[in-house]
Amino acid sequence: QVQLVESGGGLVQPGGSLRLFCAASGNRYSLPIMAWYRQAPGNERELVARMHTSGLRDYAESVEGRFTISRDNAKNTVSLEMNSLKPEDTALYFCNIMDSSMAEYWGQGTQVTVSS
């Protein structure tokens, strides 16, 4: 049973920073893709950032230059460093993994609220 445990969300003022963390456990296969998605009320879930075991990363245009995704392949963890946060970054953030069997798993979500 694959489990994803997220942490690090919270309330921050505009311009502030937060770091999200996700740890995966119980996987039988390797995890080539680890990613973060977010969903704001009334919006569809969208990709924020993803990273391959090779080190390749890609980001949503809206967060490019402000957010950084990183991972520890040995520990099956992924982090999202978020800087220069804006009110429009407010959303429920989800950790997402795809293993080498192409199975996909989601975390329970962690709330990020950017407000003064």
PDB file of N, CA and C in Angstrom:
ATOM      1  N   GLN A   1       0.848  -1.184   0.000  1.00  0.00           N
ATOM      2  CA  GLN A   1       0.000   0.000   0.000  1.00  0.00           C
ATOM      3  C   GLN A   1       0.887   1.238   0.000  1.00  0.00           C
ATOM      4  N   VAL A   2       0.801   2.011  -1.090  1.00  0.00           N
ATOM      5  CA  VAL A   2       1.597   3.229  -1.189  1.00  0.00           C
ATOM      6  C   VAL A   2       0.950   4.336  -0.361  1.00  0.00           C
ATOM      7  N   GLN A   3       1.743   5.004   0.419  1.00  0.00           N
ATOM      8  CA  GLN A   3       1.261   6.146   1.205  1.00  0.00           C
ATOM      9  C   GLN A   3       2.103   7.369   0.912  1.00  0.00           C
ATOM     10  N   LEU A   4       1.438   8.505   0.812  1.00  0.00           N
ATOM     11  CA  LEU A   4       2.114   9.785   0.651  1.00  0.00           C
ATOM     12  C   LEU A   4       1.714  10.664   1.824  1.00  0.00           C
ATOM     13  N   VAL A   5       2.692  11.162   2.534  1.00  0.00           N
ATOM     14  CA  VAL A   5       2.430  12.029   3.680  1.00  0.00           C
ATOM     15  C   VAL A   5       3.027  13.400   3.394  1.00  0.00           C
ATOM     16  N   GLU A   6       2.158  14.403   3.388  1.00  0.00           N
ATOM     17  CA  GLU A   6       2.564  15.772   3.081  1.00  0.00           C
ATOM     18  C   GLU A   6       2.617  16.611   4.351  1.00  0.00           C
ATOM     19  N   SER A   7       3.442  17.642   4.299  1.00  0.00           N
ATOM     20  CA  SER A   7       3.508  18.597   5.401  1.00  0.00           C
ATOM     21  C   SER A   7       4.029  19.924   4.876  1.00  0.00           C
ATOM     22  N   GLY A   8       3.856  20.971   5.689  1.00  0.00           N
ATOM     23  CA  GLY A   8       4.483  22.243   5.351  1.00  0.00           C
ATOM     24  C   GLY A   8       3.554  23.348   4.908  1.00  0.00           C
ATOM     25  N   GLY A   9       2.286  23.071   4.729  1.00  0.00           N
ATOM     26  CA  GLY A   9       1.376  24.133   4.323  1.00  0.00           C
ATOM     27  C   GLY A   9       1.124  25.103   5.458  1.00  0.00           C
ATOM     28  N   GLY A  10       0.385  26.171   5.163  1.00  0.00           N
ATOM     29  CA  GLY A  10       0.066  27.134   6.195  1.00  0.00           C
ATOM     30  C   GLY A  10      -0.343  28.468   5.625  1.00  0.00           C
ATOM     31  N   LEU A  11      -0.393  29.458   6.514  1.00  0.00           N
ATOM     32  CA  LEU A  11      -0.768  30.822   6.145  1.00  0.00           C
ATOM     33  C   LEU A  11       0.492  31.676   6.079  1.00  0.00           C
ATOM     34  N   VAL A  12       0.625  32.416   5.005  1.00  0.00           N
ATOM     35  CA  VAL A  12       1.796  33.266   4.821  1.00  0.00           C
ATOM     36  C   VAL A  12       1.369  34.561   4.154  1.00  0.00           C
ATOM     37  N   GLN A  13       2.094  35.630   4.439  1.00  0.00           N
ATOM     38  CA  GLN A  13       1.786  36.918   3.812  1.00  0.00           C
ATOM     39  C   GLN A  13       2.327  36.956   2.383  1.00  0.00           C
ATOM     40  N   PRO A  14       1.720  37.787   1.546  1.00  0.00           N
ATOM     41  CA  PRO A  14       2.270  37.950   0.188  1.00  0.00           C
ATOM     42  C   PRO A  14       3.750  38.313   0.231  1.00  0.00           C
ATOM     43  N   GLY A  15       4.506  37.679  -0.640  1.00  0.00           N
ATOM     44  CA  GLY A  15       5.949  37.883  -0.662  1.00  0.00           C
ATOM     45  C   GLY A  15       6.719  36.918   0.210  1.00  0.00           C
ATOM     46  N   GLY A  16       5.997  36.168   1.014  1.00  0.00           N
ATOM     47  CA  GLY A  16       6.636  35.228   1.921  1.00  0.00           C
ATOM     48  C   GLY A  16       7.000  33.912   1.246  1.00  0.00           C
ATOM     49  N   SER A  17       7.486  32.980   2.082  1.00  0.00           N
ATOM     50  CA  SER A  17       7.950  31.687   1.591  1.00  0.00           C
ATOM     51  C   SER A  17       7.384  30.553   2.423  1.00  0.00           C
ATOM     52  N   LEU A  18       7.240  29.422   1.771  1.00  0.00           N
ATOM     53  CA  LEU A  18       6.851  28.181   2.437  1.00  0.00           C
ATOM     54  C   LEU A  18       7.571  27.038   1.750  1.00  0.00           C
ATOM     55  N   ARG A  19       7.746  25.959   2.491  1.00  0.00           N
ATOM     56  CA  ARG A  19       8.333  24.758   1.922  1.00  0.00           C
ATOM     57  C   ARG A  19       7.401  23.586   2.203  1.00  0.00           C
ATOM     58  N   LEU A  20       7.004  22.905   1.142  1.00  0.00           N
ATOM     59  CA  LEU A  20       6.175  21.707   1.257  1.00  0.00           C
ATOM     60  C   LEU A  20       7.061  20.475   1.166  1.00  0.00           C
ATOM     61  N   PHE A  21       6.633  19.453   1.888  1.00  0.00           N
ATOM     62  CA  PHE A  21       7.419  18.218   1.936  1.00  0.00           C
ATOM     63  C   PHE A  21       6.485  17.024   1.781  1.00  0.00           C
ATOM     64  N   CYS A  22       6.950  16.004   1.055  1.00  0.00           N
ATOM     65  CA  CYS A  22       6.147  14.805   0.853  1.00  0.00           C
ATOM     66  C   CYS A  22       7.048  13.580   0.922  1.00  0.00           C
ATOM     67  N   ALA A  23       6.626  12.599   1.704  1.00  0.00           N
ATOM     68  CA  ALA A  23       7.375  11.354   1.811  1.00  0.00           C
ATOM     69  C   ALA A  23       6.510  10.198   1.333  1.00  0.00           C
ATOM     70  N   ALA A  24       7.064   9.375   0.448  1.00  0.00           N
ATOM     71  CA  ALA A  24       6.364   8.203  -0.081  1.00  0.00           C
ATOM     72  C   ALA A  24       6.901   6.948   0.595  1.00  0.00           C
ATOM     73  N   SER A  25       5.984   6.025   0.870  1.00  0.00           N
ATOM     74  CA  SER A  25       6.385   4.760   1.461  1.00  0.00           C
ATOM     75  C   SER A  25       5.489   3.650   0.944  1.00  0.00           C
ATOM     76  N   GLY A  26       5.966   2.419   1.066  1.00  0.00           N
ATOM     77  CA  GLY A  26       5.173   1.276   0.658  1.00  0.00           C
ATOM     78  C   GLY A  26       5.208   0.957  -0.825  1.00  0.00           C
ATOM     79  N   ASN A  27       6.004   1.679  -1.602  1.00  0.00           N
ATOM     80  CA  ASN A  27       6.039   1.418  -3.044  1.00  0.00           C
ATOM     81  C   ASN A  27       6.906   0.218  -3.372  1.00  0.00           C
ATOM     82  N   ARG A  28       6.427  -0.603  -4.315  1.00  0.00           N
ATOM     83  CA  ARG A  28       7.169  -1.769  -4.777  1.00  0.00           C
ATOM     84  C   ARG A  28       8.076  -1.426  -5.956  1.00  0.00           C
ATOM     85  N   TYR A  29       7.712  -0.391  -6.676  1.00  0.00           N
ATOM     86  CA  TYR A  29       8.430  -0.013  -7.879  1.00  0.00           C
ATOM     87  C   TYR A  29       9.160   1.303  -7.658  1.00  0.00           C
ATOM     88  N   SER A  30      10.051   1.607  -8.562  1.00  0.00           N
ATOM     89  CA  SER A  30      10.749   2.888  -8.481  1.00  0.00           C
ATOM     90  C   SER A  30       9.773   4.008  -8.824  1.00  0.00           C
ATOM     91  N   LEU A  31      10.178   5.217  -8.503  1.00  0.00           N
ATOM     92  CA  LEU A  31       9.312   6.384  -8.668  1.00  0.00           C
ATOM     93  C   LEU A  31       9.943   7.370  -9.636  1.00  0.00           C
ATOM     94  N   PRO A  32       9.775   7.146 -10.927  1.00  0.00           N
ATOM     95  CA  PRO A  32      10.428   8.042 -11.882  1.00  0.00           C
ATOM     96  C   PRO A  32       9.924   9.479 -11.826  1.00  0.00           C
ATOM     97  N   ILE A  33       8.663   9.652 -11.529  1.00  0.00           N
ATOM     98  CA  ILE A  33       8.088  10.997 -11.515  1.00  0.00           C
ATOM     99  C   ILE A  33       7.536  11.314 -10.129  1.00  0.00           C
ATOM    100  N   MET A  34       7.945  12.453  -9.598  1.00  0.00           N
ATOM    101  CA  MET A  34       7.349  12.999  -8.367  1.00  0.00           C
ATOM    102  C   MET A  34       6.952  14.436  -8.677  1.00  0.00           C
ATOM    103  N   ALA A  35       5.778  14.826  -8.222  1.00  0.00           N
ATOM    104  CA  ALA A  35       5.245  16.112  -8.659  1.00  0.00           C
ATOM    105  C   ALA A  35       4.384  16.745  -7.575  1.00  0.00           C
ATOM    106  N   TRP A  36       4.102  18.015  -7.784  1.00  0.00           N
ATOM    107  CA  TRP A  36       3.152  18.772  -6.970  1.00  0.00           C
ATOM    108  C   TRP A  36       2.079  19.356  -7.884  1.00  0.00           C
ATOM    109  N   TYR A  37       0.840  19.198  -7.460  1.00  0.00           N
ATOM    110  CA  TYR A  37      -0.298  19.810  -8.117  1.00  0.00           C
ATOM    111  C   TYR A  37      -0.991  20.717  -7.099  1.00  0.00           C
ATOM    112  N   ARG A  38      -1.869  21.558  -7.605  1.00  0.00           N
ATOM    113  CA  ARG A  38      -2.672  22.376  -6.696  1.00  0.00           C
ATOM    114  C   ARG A  38      -4.071  22.570  -7.274  1.00  0.00           C
ATOM    115  N   GLN A  39      -4.982  22.850  -6.353  1.00  0.00           N
ATOM    116  CA  GLN A  39      -6.364  23.089  -6.766  1.00  0.00           C
ATOM    117  C   GLN A  39      -6.954  24.181  -5.886  1.00  0.00           C
ATOM    118  N   ALA A  40      -7.340  25.260  -6.526  1.00  0.00           N
ATOM    119  CA  ALA A  40      -8.008  26.356  -5.835  1.00  0.00           C
ATOM    120  C   ALA A  40      -9.519  26.156  -5.955  1.00  0.00           C
ATOM    121  N   PRO A  41     -10.297  26.704  -5.020  1.00  0.00           N
ATOM    122  CA  PRO A  41     -11.748  26.546  -5.084  1.00  0.00           C
ATOM    123  C   PRO A  41     -12.304  27.003  -6.427  1.00  0.00           C
ATOM    124  N   GLY A  42     -13.125  26.150  -7.034  1.00  0.00           N
ATOM    125  CA  GLY A  42     -13.743  26.487  -8.300  1.00  0.00           C
ATOM    126  C   GLY A  42     -12.869  26.247  -9.510  1.00  0.00           C
ATOM    127  N   ASN A  43     -11.616  25.826  -9.271  1.00  0.00           N
ATOM    128  CA  ASN A  43     -10.684  25.586 -10.380  1.00  0.00           C
ATOM    129  C   ASN A  43     -10.360  24.109 -10.515  1.00  0.00           C
ATOM    130  N   GLU A  44      -9.855  23.742 -11.682  1.00  0.00           N
ATOM    131  CA  GLU A  44      -9.389  22.374 -11.871  1.00  0.00           C
ATOM    132  C   GLU A  44      -8.008  22.207 -11.232  1.00  0.00           C
ATOM    133  N   ARG A  45      -7.699  20.972 -10.920  1.00  0.00           N
ATOM    134  CA  ARG A  45      -6.367  20.682 -10.402  1.00  0.00           C
ATOM    135  C   ARG A  45      -5.339  20.922 -11.508  1.00  0.00           C
ATOM    136  N   GLU A  46      -4.247  21.580 -11.142  1.00  0.00           N
ATOM    137  CA  GLU A  46      -3.229  21.899 -12.141  1.00  0.00           C
ATOM    138  C   GLU A  46      -1.846  21.484 -11.665  1.00  0.00           C
ATOM    139  N   LEU A  47      -1.007  21.153 -12.625  1.00  0.00           N
ATOM    140  CA  LEU A  47       0.371  20.812 -12.324  1.00  0.00           C
ATOM    141  C   LEU A  47       1.129  22.064 -11.912  1.00  0.00           C
ATOM    142  N   VAL A  48       1.874  21.958 -10.814  1.00  0.00           N
ATOM    143  CA  VAL A  48       2.728  23.051 -10.362  1.00  0.00           C
ATOM    144  C   VAL A  48       4.174  22.798 -10.789  1.00  0.00           C
ATOM    145  N   ALA A  49       4.663  21.600 -10.468  1.00  0.00           N
ATOM    146  CA  ALA A  49       6.041  21.244 -10.807  1.00  0.00           C
ATOM    147  C   ALA A  49       6.197  19.738 -10.741  1.00  0.00           C
ATOM    148  N   ARG A  50       7.105  19.200 -11.548  1.00  0.00           N
ATOM    149  CA  ARG A  50       7.394  17.771 -11.484  1.00  0.00           C
ATOM    150  C   ARG A  50       8.872  17.568 -11.756  1.00  0.00           C
ATOM    151  N   MET A  51       9.345  16.441 -11.253  1.00  0.00           N
ATOM    152  CA  MET A  51      10.772  16.146 -11.377  1.00  0.00           C
ATOM    153  C   MET A  51      10.990  14.663 -11.610  1.00  0.00           C
ATOM    154  N   HIS A  52      11.857  14.362 -12.564  1.00  0.00           N
ATOM    155  CA  HIS A  52      12.209  12.986 -12.891  1.00  0.00           C
ATOM    156  C   HIS A  52      13.431  12.583 -12.066  1.00  0.00           C
ATOM    157  N   THR A  53      13.618  11.286 -11.901  1.00  0.00           N
ATOM    158  CA  THR A  53      14.796  10.807 -11.184  1.00  0.00           C
ATOM    159  C   THR A  53      16.091  11.278 -11.842  1.00  0.00           C
ATOM    160  N   SER A  54      16.038  11.569 -13.142  1.00  0.00           N
ATOM    161  CA  SER A  54      17.237  12.039 -13.855  1.00  0.00           C
ATOM    162  C   SER A  54      17.626  13.450 -13.455  1.00  0.00           C
ATOM    163  N   GLY A  55      16.695  14.144 -12.813  1.00  0.00           N
ATOM    164  CA  GLY A  55      16.960  15.528 -12.431  1.00  0.00           C
ATOM    165  C   GLY A  55      16.224  16.544 -13.286  1.00  0.00           C
ATOM    166  N   LEU A  56      15.598  16.075 -14.366  1.00  0.00           N
ATOM    167  CA  LEU A  56      14.825  16.981 -15.210  1.00  0.00           C
ATOM    168  C   LEU A  56      13.617  17.512 -14.445  1.00  0.00           C
ATOM    169  N   ARG A  57      13.382  18.791 -14.591  1.00  0.00           N
ATOM    170  CA  ARG A  57      12.264  19.455 -13.911  1.00  0.00           C
ATOM    171  C   ARG A  57      11.438  20.238 -14.927  1.00  0.00           C
ATOM    172  N   ASP A  58      10.174  20.386 -14.653  1.00  0.00           N
ATOM    173  CA  ASP A  58       9.402  21.387 -15.373  1.00  0.00           C
ATOM    174  C   ASP A  58       8.375  21.999 -14.438  1.00  0.00           C
ATOM    175  N   TYR A  59       8.032  23.241 -14.755  1.00  0.00           N
ATOM    176  CA  TYR A  59       7.185  24.055 -13.891  1.00  0.00           C
ATOM    177  C   TYR A  59       6.038  24.678 -14.675  1.00  0.00           C
ATOM    178  N   ALA A  60       4.957  24.951 -13.955  1.00  0.00           N
ATOM    179  CA  ALA A  60       3.908  25.786 -14.531  1.00  0.00           C
ATOM    180  C   ALA A  60       4.485  27.171 -14.768  1.00  0.00           C
ATOM    181  N   GLU A  61       4.031  27.786 -15.820  1.00  0.00           N
ATOM    182  CA  GLU A  61       4.536  29.119 -16.159  1.00  0.00           C
ATOM    183  C   GLU A  61       4.317  30.112 -15.019  1.00  0.00           C
ATOM    184  N   SER A  62       3.217  29.945 -14.313  1.00  0.00           N
ATOM    185  CA  SER A  62       2.855  30.887 -13.250  1.00  0.00           C
ATOM    186  C   SER A  62       3.786  30.835 -12.049  1.00  0.00           C
ATOM    187  N   VAL A  63       4.562  29.763 -11.903  1.00  0.00           N
ATOM    188  CA  VAL A  63       5.446  29.639 -10.742  1.00  0.00           C
ATOM    189  C   VAL A  63       6.919  29.624 -11.120  1.00  0.00           C
ATOM    190  N   GLU A  64       7.198  29.607 -12.409  1.00  0.00           N
ATOM    191  CA  GLU A  64       8.586  29.562 -12.890  1.00  0.00           C
ATOM    192  C   GLU A  64       9.388  30.713 -12.282  1.00  0.00           C
ATOM    193  N   GLY A  65      10.532  30.374 -11.726  1.00  0.00           N
ATOM    194  CA  GLY A  65      11.393  31.378 -11.124  1.00  0.00           C
ATOM    195  C   GLY A  65      11.099  31.672  -9.668  1.00  0.00           C
ATOM    196  N   ARG A  66       9.976  31.205  -9.178  1.00  0.00           N
ATOM    197  CA  ARG A  66       9.606  31.443  -7.768  1.00  0.00           C
ATOM    198  C   ARG A  66       9.604  30.143  -6.962  1.00  0.00           C
ATOM    199  N   PHE A  67       9.253  29.054  -7.597  1.00  0.00           N
ATOM    200  CA  PHE A  67       9.159  27.763  -6.925  1.00  0.00           C
ATOM    201  C   PHE A  67      10.296  26.863  -7.404  1.00  0.00           C
ATOM    202  N   THR A  68      10.758  25.999  -6.489  1.00  0.00           N
ATOM    203  CA  THR A  68      11.798  25.031  -6.833  1.00  0.00           C
ATOM    204  C   THR A  68      11.409  23.664  -6.287  1.00  0.00           C
ATOM    205  N   ILE A  69      11.388  22.676  -7.172  1.00  0.00           N
ATOM    206  CA  ILE A  69      11.103  21.306  -6.756  1.00  0.00           C
ATOM    207  C   ILE A  69      12.422  20.567  -6.609  1.00  0.00           C
ATOM    208  N   SER A  70      12.502  19.738  -5.585  1.00  0.00           N
ATOM    209  CA  SER A  70      13.684  18.912  -5.386  1.00  0.00           C
ATOM    210  C   SER A  70      13.244  17.568  -4.825  1.00  0.00           C
ATOM    211  N   ARG A  71      14.096  16.580  -4.962  1.00  0.00           N
ATOM    212  CA  ARG A  71      13.754  15.249  -4.475  1.00  0.00           C
ATOM    213  C   ARG A  71      14.987  14.525  -3.977  1.00  0.00           C
ATOM    214  N   ASP A  72      14.734  13.583  -3.092  1.00  0.00           N
ATOM    215  CA  ASP A  72      15.780  12.699  -2.604  1.00  0.00           C
ATOM    216  C   ASP A  72      15.395  11.302  -3.075  1.00  0.00           C
ATOM    217  N   ASN A  73      16.057  10.812  -4.086  1.00  0.00           N
ATOM    218  CA  ASN A  73      15.693   9.530  -4.678  1.00  0.00           C
ATOM    219  C   ASN A  73      15.887   8.366  -3.700  1.00  0.00           C
ATOM    220  N   ALA A  74      16.881   8.470  -2.852  1.00  0.00           N
ATOM    221  CA  ALA A  74      17.145   7.387  -1.906  1.00  0.00           C
ATOM    222  C   ALA A  74      16.067   7.302  -0.837  1.00  0.00           C
ATOM    223  N   LYS A  75      15.482   8.444  -0.487  1.00  0.00           N
ATOM    224  CA  LYS A  75      14.486   8.473   0.594  1.00  0.00           C
ATOM    225  C   LYS A  75      13.059   8.558   0.073  1.00  0.00           C
ATOM    226  N   ASN A  76      12.893   8.651  -1.257  1.00  0.00           N
ATOM    227  CA  ASN A  76      11.555   8.792  -1.852  1.00  0.00           C
ATOM    228  C   ASN A  76      10.802   9.989  -1.283  1.00  0.00           C
ATOM    229  N   THR A  77      11.492  11.115  -1.235  1.00  0.00           N
ATOM    230  CA  THR A  77      10.852  12.342  -0.766  1.00  0.00           C
ATOM    231  C   THR A  77      10.948  13.416  -1.848  1.00  0.00           C
ATOM    232  N   VAL A  78      10.006  14.322  -1.812  1.00  0.00           N
ATOM    233  CA  VAL A  78       9.985  15.445  -2.746  1.00  0.00           C
ATOM    234  C   VAL A  78       9.579  16.694  -1.985  1.00  0.00           C
ATOM    235  N   SER A  79      10.228  17.805  -2.311  1.00  0.00           N
ATOM    236  CA  SER A  79       9.947  19.074  -1.650  1.00  0.00           C
ATOM    237  C   SER A  79       9.604  20.134  -2.687  1.00  0.00           C
ATOM    238  N   LEU A  80       8.902  21.146  -2.224  1.00  0.00           N
ATOM    239  CA  LEU A  80       8.587  22.290  -3.077  1.00  0.00           C
ATOM    240  C   LEU A  80       8.881  23.544  -2.274  1.00  0.00           C
ATOM    241  N   GLU A  81       9.919  24.256  -2.677  1.00  0.00           N
ATOM    242  CA  GLU A  81      10.272  25.520  -2.062  1.00  0.00           C
ATOM    243  C   GLU A  81       9.530  26.614  -2.803  1.00  0.00           C
ATOM    244  N   MET A  82       8.705  27.374  -2.073  1.00  0.00           N
ATOM    245  CA  MET A  82       7.870  28.398  -2.694  1.00  0.00           C
ATOM    246  C   MET A  82       8.272  29.767  -2.149  1.00  0.00           C
ATOM    247  N   ASN A  83       8.723  30.625  -3.018  1.00  0.00           N
ATOM    248  CA  ASN A  83       9.153  31.977  -2.652  1.00  0.00           C
ATOM    249  C   ASN A  83       8.295  33.016  -3.371  1.00  0.00           C
ATOM    250  N   SER A  84       8.366  34.226  -2.862  1.00  0.00           N
ATOM    251  CA  SER A  84       7.609  35.334  -3.466  1.00  0.00           C
ATOM    252  C   SER A  84       6.152  34.950  -3.692  1.00  0.00           C
ATOM    253  N   LEU A  85       5.559  34.381  -2.669  1.00  0.00           N
ATOM    254  CA  LEU A  85       4.197  33.878  -2.795  1.00  0.00           C
ATOM    255  C   LEU A  85       3.206  35.006  -3.047  1.00  0.00           C
ATOM    256  N   LYS A  86       2.200  34.684  -3.847  1.00  0.00           N
ATOM    257  CA  LYS A  86       1.151  35.635  -4.216  1.00  0.00           C
ATOM    258  C   LYS A  86      -0.205  35.098  -3.760  1.00  0.00           C
ATOM    259  N   PRO A  87      -1.180  35.984  -3.583  1.00  0.00           N
ATOM    260  CA  PRO A  87      -2.515  35.499  -3.195  1.00  0.00           C
ATOM    261  C   PRO A  87      -3.060  34.446  -4.172  1.00  0.00           C
ATOM    262  N   GLU A  88      -2.723  34.550  -5.426  1.00  0.00           N
ATOM    263  CA  GLU A  88      -3.220  33.575  -6.399  1.00  0.00           C
ATOM    264  C   GLU A  88      -2.554  32.210  -6.281  1.00  0.00           C
ATOM    265  N   ASP A  89      -1.562  32.084  -5.423  1.00  0.00           N
ATOM    266  CA  ASP A  89      -0.979  30.774  -5.137  1.00  0.00           C
ATOM    267  C   ASP A  89      -1.792  30.021  -4.088  1.00  0.00           C
ATOM    268  N   THR A  90      -2.766  30.668  -3.498  1.00  0.00           N
ATOM    269  CA  THR A  90      -3.610  30.020  -2.507  1.00  0.00           C
ATOM    270  C   THR A  90      -4.341  28.846  -3.118  1.00  0.00           C
ATOM    271  N   ALA A  91      -4.174  27.671  -2.510  1.00  0.00           N
ATOM    272  CA  ALA A  91      -4.775  26.444  -3.040  1.00  0.00           C
ATOM    273  C   ALA A  91      -4.479  25.291  -2.096  1.00  0.00           C
ATOM    274  N   LEU A  92      -5.107  24.184  -2.384  1.00  0.00           N
ATOM    275  CA  LEU A  92      -4.769  22.916  -1.745  1.00  0.00           C
ATOM    276  C   LEU A  92      -3.708  22.258  -2.621  1.00  0.00           C
ATOM    277  N   TYR A  93      -2.564  21.978  -2.040  1.00  0.00           N
ATOM    278  CA  TYR A  93      -1.441  21.417  -2.789  1.00  0.00           C
ATOM    279  C   TYR A  93      -1.341  19.918  -2.533  1.00  0.00           C
ATOM    280  N   PHE A  94      -1.188  19.169  -3.624  1.00  0.00           N
ATOM    281  CA  PHE A  94      -1.154  17.715  -3.563  1.00  0.00           C
ATOM    282  C   PHE A  94       0.183  17.182  -4.063  1.00  0.00           C
ATOM    283  N   CYS A  95       0.712  16.251  -3.322  1.00  0.00           N
ATOM    284  CA  CYS A  95       1.865  15.493  -3.784  1.00  0.00           C
ATOM    285  C   CYS A  95       1.362  14.381  -4.720  1.00  0.00           C
ATOM    286  N   ASN A  96       2.108  14.119  -5.765  1.00  0.00           N
ATOM    287  CA  ASN A  96       1.713  13.110  -6.754  1.00  0.00           C
ATOM    288  C   ASN A  96       2.929  12.313  -7.178  1.00  0.00           C
ATOM    289  N   ILE A  97       2.771  11.005  -7.270  1.00  0.00           N
ATOM    290  CA  ILE A  97       3.864  10.179  -7.774  1.00  0.00           C
ATOM    291  C   ILE A  97       3.338   9.221  -8.838  1.00  0.00           C
ATOM    292  N   MET A  98       4.221   8.904  -9.766  1.00  0.00           N
ATOM    293  CA  MET A  98       3.933   7.851 -10.729  1.00  0.00           C
ATOM    294  C   MET A  98       5.076   6.857 -10.657  1.00  0.00           C
ATOM    295  N   ASP A  99       4.728   5.577 -10.421  1.00  0.00           N
ATOM    296  CA  ASP A  99       5.798   4.600 -10.323  1.00  0.00           C
ATOM    297  C   ASP A  99       6.088   3.975 -11.679  1.00  0.00           C
ATOM    298  N   SER A 100       7.062   3.091 -11.717  1.00  0.00           N
ATOM    299  CA  SER A 100       7.517   2.543 -12.998  1.00  0.00           C
ATOM    300  C   SER A 100       6.517   1.565 -13.613  1.00  0.00           C
ATOM    301  N   SER A 101       5.465   1.195 -12.870  1.00  0.00           N
ATOM    302  CA  SER A 101       4.377   0.397 -13.451  1.00  0.00           C
ATOM    303  C   SER A 101       3.281   1.296 -14.011  1.00  0.00           C
ATOM    304  N   MET A 102       3.511   2.609 -13.954  1.00  0.00           N
ATOM    305  CA  MET A 102       2.580   3.635 -14.439  1.00  0.00           C
ATOM    306  C   MET A 102       1.410   3.861 -13.489  1.00  0.00           C
ATOM    307  N   ALA A 103       1.462   3.296 -12.291  1.00  0.00           N
ATOM    308  CA  ALA A 103       0.429   3.584 -11.299  1.00  0.00           C
ATOM    309  C   ALA A 103       0.673   4.968 -10.710  1.00  0.00           C
ATOM    310  N   GLU A 104      -0.414   5.661 -10.422  1.00  0.00           N
ATOM    311  CA  GLU A 104      -0.335   7.033  -9.932  1.00  0.00           C
ATOM    312  C   GLU A 104      -0.959   7.113  -8.547  1.00  0.00           C
ATOM    313  N   TYR A 105      -0.344   7.896  -7.684  1.00  0.00           N
ATOM    314  CA  TYR A 105      -0.825   8.032  -6.310  1.00  0.00           C
ATOM    315  C   TYR A 105      -0.847   9.498  -5.912  1.00  0.00           C
ATOM    316  N   TRP A 106      -1.788   9.816  -5.005  1.00  0.00           N
ATOM    317  CA  TRP A 106      -1.973  11.192  -4.553  1.00  0.00           C
ATOM    318  C   TRP A 106      -1.904  11.273  -3.037  1.00  0.00           C
ATOM    319  N   GLY A 107      -1.356  12.377  -2.552  1.00  0.00           N
ATOM    320  CA  GLY A 107      -1.418  12.668  -1.138  1.00  0.00           C
ATOM    321  C   GLY A 107      -2.768  13.250  -0.783  1.00  0.00           C
ATOM    322  N   GLN A 108      -2.956  13.528   0.507  1.00  0.00           N
ATOM    323  CA  GLN A 108      -4.247  14.023   0.978  1.00  0.00           C
ATOM    324  C   GLN A 108      -4.411  15.518   0.770  1.00  0.00           C
ATOM    325  N   GLY A 109      -3.318  16.202   0.482  1.00  0.00           N
ATOM    326  CA  GLY A 109      -3.360  17.638   0.248  1.00  0.00           C
ATOM    327  C   GLY A 109      -2.982  18.431   1.482  1.00  0.00           C
ATOM    328  N   THR A 110      -2.312  19.553   1.238  1.00  0.00           N
ATOM    329  CA  THR A 110      -1.951  20.469   2.314  1.00  0.00           C
ATOM    330  C   THR A 110      -2.302  21.887   1.868  1.00  0.00           C
ATOM    331  N   GLN A 111      -2.960  22.621   2.747  1.00  0.00           N
ATOM    332  CA  GLN A 111      -3.476  23.936   2.375  1.00  0.00           C
ATOM    333  C   GLN A 111      -2.390  24.997   2.447  1.00  0.00           C
ATOM    334  N   VAL A 112      -2.308  25.797   1.400  1.00  0.00           N
ATOM    335  CA  VAL A 112      -1.447  26.975   1.376  1.00  0.00           C
ATOM    336  C   VAL A 112      -2.338  28.188   1.176  1.00  0.00           C
ATOM    337  N   THR A 113      -2.256  29.131   2.106  1.00  0.00           N
ATOM    338  CA  THR A 113      -3.053  30.354   2.025  1.00  0.00           C
ATOM    339  C   THR A 113      -2.119  31.550   2.071  1.00  0.00           C
ATOM    340  N   VAL A 114      -2.211  32.395   1.045  1.00  0.00           N
ATOM    341  CA  VAL A 114      -1.374  33.590   0.962  1.00  0.00           C
ATOM    342  C   VAL A 114      -2.284  34.796   1.122  1.00  0.00           C
ATOM    343  N   SER A 115      -2.145  35.451   2.256  1.00  0.00           N
ATOM    344  CA  SER A 115      -3.050  36.557   2.565  1.00  0.00           C
ATOM    345  C   SER A 115      -2.419  37.479   3.589  1.00  0.00           C
ATOM    346  N   SER A 116      -2.739  38.770   3.471  1.00  0.00           N
ATOM    347  CA  SER A 116      -2.272  39.728   4.459  1.00  0.00           C
ATOM    348  C   SER A 116      -3.306  39.926   5.563  1.00  0.00           C
TER     349      SER A 116
END
